Amino acid sequence: MSLALAVLALAVALLAGVLAYRRISGLERRLSALEGERRQEAETVRALSAGAVSHGEQVIRVQRELSRLKEQLTTLAARGGGAEVFEQAIRMARRGASREDIIQTCGLSQVEADLVLLLHREEE
């Protein structure tokens, strides 16, 4: 009888071992899949970060250029013989006038009117 109990206990232990092995194998496969997903997401984050840095650098360059152009326009407007025209164009841009209105009223070229609008149009 004790031999039968020992065999039964051994069978139960083997069954428990097989079930535990299957569970561990399934968990290992799931862990491997999750690691792959984590690596892929880390690569996506790295790519997005690099893009954000590049975009930030481009924004800084554009801001510097805009500041330089604004200074040039202010200098040009401050010079004699035309300062009034640019001052009027700047006032019109700040009031929301269109490019065509500024060109017709002030006699500016399209490029000059666009620059005045770019630098002095009120944010909406």
C-alpha atoms as a PDB file:
ATOM      1  CA  MET A   1       0.000   0.000   0.000  1.00  0.00           C
ATOM      2  CA  SER A   2       2.772   2.406   0.783  1.00  0.00           C
ATOM      3  CA  LEU A   3       4.285   1.595  -2.618  1.00  0.00           C
ATOM      4  CA  ALA A   4       1.010   2.552  -4.291  1.00  0.00           C
ATOM      5  CA  LEU A   5       0.947   5.813  -2.323  1.00  0.00           C
ATOM      6  CA  ALA A   6       4.522   6.524  -3.283  1.00  0.00           C
ATOM      7  CA  VAL A   7       3.747   5.893  -6.963  1.00  0.00           C
ATOM      8  CA  LEU A   8       0.656   8.069  -6.726  1.00  0.00           C
ATOM      9  CA  ALA A   9       2.632  10.819  -5.016  1.00  0.00           C
ATOM     10  CA  LEU A  10       5.298  10.535  -7.702  1.00  0.00           C
ATOM     11  CA  ALA A  11       2.649  10.766 -10.461  1.00  0.00           C
ATOM     12  CA  VAL A  12       1.119  13.841  -8.824  1.00  0.00           C
ATOM     13  CA  ALA A  13       4.573  15.417  -8.469  1.00  0.00           C
ATOM     14  CA  LEU A  14       5.365  14.701 -12.128  1.00  0.00           C
ATOM     15  CA  LEU A  15       2.034  16.179 -13.234  1.00  0.00           C
ATOM     16  CA  ALA A  16       2.665  19.286 -11.117  1.00  0.00           C
ATOM     17  CA  GLY A  17       6.178  19.540 -12.608  1.00  0.00           C
ATOM     18  CA  VAL A  18       4.849  19.285 -16.176  1.00  0.00           C
ATOM     19  CA  LEU A  19       2.197  21.932 -15.481  1.00  0.00           C
ATOM     20  CA  ALA A  20       4.774  24.216 -13.863  1.00  0.00           C
ATOM     21  CA  TYR A  21       7.113  23.739 -16.840  1.00  0.00           C
ATOM     22  CA  ARG A  22       4.334  24.631 -19.289  1.00  0.00           C
ATOM     23  CA  ARG A  23       3.443  27.723 -17.272  1.00  0.00           C
ATOM     24  CA  ILE A  24       7.078  28.835 -17.120  1.00  0.00           C
ATOM     25  CA  SER A  25       7.498  28.274 -20.863  1.00  0.00           C
ATOM     26  CA  GLY A  26       4.421  30.389 -21.585  1.00  0.00           C
ATOM     27  CA  LEU A  27       5.675  33.138 -19.293  1.00  0.00           C
ATOM     28  CA  GLU A  28       9.097  33.077 -20.976  1.00  0.00           C
ATOM     29  CA  ARG A  29       7.471  33.490 -24.410  1.00  0.00           C
ATOM     30  CA  ARG A  30       5.361  36.389 -23.119  1.00  0.00           C
ATOM     31  CA  LEU A  31       8.431  38.014 -21.532  1.00  0.00           C
ATOM     32  CA  SER A  32      10.335  37.690 -24.809  1.00  0.00           C
ATOM     33  CA  ALA A  33       7.465  39.308 -26.737  1.00  0.00           C
ATOM     34  CA  LEU A  34       7.263  42.156 -24.207  1.00  0.00           C
ATOM     35  CA  GLU A  35      11.014  42.741 -24.462  1.00  0.00           C
ATOM     36  CA  GLY A  36      10.677  43.022 -28.245  1.00  0.00           C
ATOM     37  CA  GLU A  37       7.867  45.546 -27.851  1.00  0.00           C
ATOM     38  CA  ARG A  38       9.923  47.520 -25.319  1.00  0.00           C
ATOM     39  CA  ARG A  39      12.905  47.673 -27.679  1.00  0.00           C
ATOM     40  CA  GLN A  40      10.659  48.828 -30.522  1.00  0.00           C
ATOM     41  CA  GLU A  41       9.050  51.522 -28.358  1.00  0.00           C
ATOM     42  CA  ALA A  42      12.474  52.696 -27.135  1.00  0.00           C
ATOM     43  CA  GLU A  43      13.582  53.073 -30.756  1.00  0.00           C
ATOM     44  CA  THR A  44      10.440  55.068 -31.543  1.00  0.00           C
ATOM     45  CA  VAL A  45      11.101  57.365 -28.580  1.00  0.00           C
ATOM     46  CA  ARG A  46      14.708  57.879 -29.728  1.00  0.00           C
ATOM     47  CA  ALA A  47      13.537  58.768 -33.240  1.00  0.00           C
ATOM     48  CA  LEU A  48      10.893  61.171 -31.937  1.00  0.00           C
ATOM     49  CA  SER A  49      13.414  62.813 -29.610  1.00  0.00           C
ATOM     50  CA  ALA A  50      15.878  63.331 -32.436  1.00  0.00           C
ATOM     51  CA  GLY A  51      13.112  64.839 -34.570  1.00  0.00           C
ATOM     52  CA  ALA A  52      12.049  67.167 -31.769  1.00  0.00           C
ATOM     53  CA  VAL A  53      15.608  68.396 -31.283  1.00  0.00           C
ATOM     54  CA  SER A  54      15.973  69.018 -35.003  1.00  0.00           C
ATOM     55  CA  HIS A  55      12.648  70.850 -35.094  1.00  0.00           C
ATOM     56  CA  GLY A  56      13.649  72.966 -32.096  1.00  0.00           C
ATOM     57  CA  GLU A  57      16.914  73.952 -33.771  1.00  0.00           C
ATOM     58  CA  GLN A  58      15.020  74.924 -36.918  1.00  0.00           C
ATOM     59  CA  VAL A  59      12.593  77.061 -34.901  1.00  0.00           C
ATOM     60  CA  ILE A  60      15.518  78.851 -33.265  1.00  0.00           C
ATOM     61  CA  ARG A  61      17.076  79.561 -36.682  1.00  0.00           C
ATOM     62  CA  VAL A  62      13.776  80.930 -37.992  1.00  0.00           C
ATOM     63  CA  GLN A  63      13.345  83.121 -34.901  1.00  0.00           C
ATOM     64  CA  ARG A  64      16.845  84.542 -35.331  1.00  0.00           C
ATOM     65  CA  GLU A  65      16.219  85.266 -39.016  1.00  0.00           C
ATOM     66  CA  LEU A  66      12.876  86.874 -38.211  1.00  0.00           C
ATOM     67  CA  SER A  67      14.535  89.060 -35.587  1.00  0.00           C
ATOM     68  CA  ARG A  68      17.243  90.061 -38.061  1.00  0.00           C
ATOM     69  CA  LEU A  69      14.660  90.942 -40.700  1.00  0.00           C
ATOM     70  CA  LYS A  70      12.632  92.931 -38.192  1.00  0.00           C
ATOM     71  CA  GLU A  71      15.734  94.940 -37.277  1.00  0.00           C
ATOM     72  CA  GLN A  72      16.458  95.569 -40.958  1.00  0.00           C
ATOM     73  CA  LEU A  73      12.919  96.735 -41.569  1.00  0.00           C
ATOM     74  CA  THR A  74      13.051  99.031 -38.553  1.00  0.00           C
ATOM     75  CA  THR A  75      16.383 100.441 -39.750  1.00  0.00           C
ATOM     76  CA  LEU A  76      15.018 100.923 -43.250  1.00  0.00           C
ATOM     77  CA  ALA A  77      11.906 102.630 -41.921  1.00  0.00           C
ATOM     78  CA  ALA A  78      14.012 104.891 -39.693  1.00  0.00           C
ATOM     79  CA  ARG A  79      16.019 106.182 -42.649  1.00  0.00           C
ATOM     80  CA  GLY A  80      14.811 109.304 -44.330  1.00  0.00           C
ATOM     81  CA  GLY A  81      12.908 109.355 -47.615  1.00  0.00           C
ATOM     82  CA  GLY A  82      10.386 106.617 -47.098  1.00  0.00           C
ATOM     83  CA  ALA A  83      10.160 106.196 -43.378  1.00  0.00           C
ATOM     84  CA  GLU A  84       6.612 107.514 -43.406  1.00  0.00           C
ATOM     85  CA  VAL A  85       5.589 104.943 -46.011  1.00  0.00           C
ATOM     86  CA  PHE A  86       6.891 102.036 -43.946  1.00  0.00           C
ATOM     87  CA  GLU A  87       5.430 103.451 -40.750  1.00  0.00           C
ATOM     88  CA  GLN A  88       2.046 103.689 -42.462  1.00  0.00           C
ATOM     89  CA  ALA A  89       2.425 100.134 -43.789  1.00  0.00           C
ATOM     90  CA  ILE A  90       3.293  98.907 -40.288  1.00  0.00           C
ATOM     91  CA  ARG A  91       0.236 100.654 -38.827  1.00  0.00           C
ATOM     92  CA  MET A  92      -1.957  99.107 -41.525  1.00  0.00           C
ATOM     93  CA  ALA A  93      -0.508  95.645 -40.887  1.00  0.00           C
ATOM     94  CA  ARG A  94      -1.187  95.982 -37.180  1.00  0.00           C
ATOM     95  CA  ARG A  95      -4.808  96.893 -37.966  1.00  0.00           C
ATOM     96  CA  GLY A  96      -5.149  93.769 -40.131  1.00  0.00           C
ATOM     97  CA  ALA A  97      -4.918  95.289 -43.625  1.00  0.00           C
ATOM     98  CA  SER A  98      -4.346  92.927 -46.536  1.00  0.00           C
ATOM     99  CA  ARG A  99      -1.195  92.774 -48.628  1.00  0.00           C
ATOM    100  CA  GLU A 100      -3.011  94.310 -51.579  1.00  0.00           C
ATOM    101  CA  ASP A 101      -4.254  97.246 -49.475  1.00  0.00           C
ATOM    102  CA  ILE A 102      -0.733  97.947 -48.234  1.00  0.00           C
ATOM    103  CA  ILE A 103       0.728  97.706 -51.758  1.00  0.00           C
ATOM    104  CA  GLN A 104      -1.877 100.097 -53.192  1.00  0.00           C
ATOM    105  CA  THR A 105      -1.861 102.571 -50.324  1.00  0.00           C
ATOM    106  CA  CYS A 106       1.874 102.693 -49.608  1.00  0.00           C
ATOM    107  CA  GLY A 107       3.334 101.853 -53.002  1.00  0.00           C
ATOM    108  CA  LEU A 108       5.410  98.995 -51.654  1.00  0.00           C
ATOM    109  CA  SER A 109       6.459  95.952 -53.649  1.00  0.00           C
ATOM    110  CA  GLN A 110       4.806  92.623 -52.899  1.00  0.00           C
ATOM    111  CA  VAL A 111       7.934  91.391 -51.102  1.00  0.00           C
ATOM    112  CA  GLU A 112       8.109  94.539 -48.961  1.00  0.00           C
ATOM    113  CA  ALA A 113       4.407  94.284 -48.083  1.00  0.00           C
ATOM    114  CA  ASP A 114       4.794  90.591 -47.212  1.00  0.00           C
ATOM    115  CA  LEU A 115       7.735  91.388 -44.954  1.00  0.00           C
ATOM    116  CA  VAL A 116       5.825  94.151 -43.179  1.00  0.00           C
ATOM    117  CA  LEU A 117       2.886  91.777 -42.666  1.00  0.00           C
ATOM    118  CA  LEU A 118       5.117  88.964 -41.463  1.00  0.00           C
ATOM    119  CA  LEU A 119       6.799  91.146 -38.893  1.00  0.00           C
ATOM    120  CA  HIS A 120       3.975  93.392 -37.731  1.00  0.00           C
ATOM    121  CA  ARG A 121       0.610  91.714 -38.256  1.00  0.00           C
ATOM    122  CA  GLU A 122      -1.182  91.260 -34.934  1.00  0.00           C
ATOM    123  CA  GLU A 123      -1.463  87.624 -33.810  1.00  0.00           C
ATOM    124  CA  GLU A 124      -4.948  86.273 -34.156  1.00  0.00           C
END
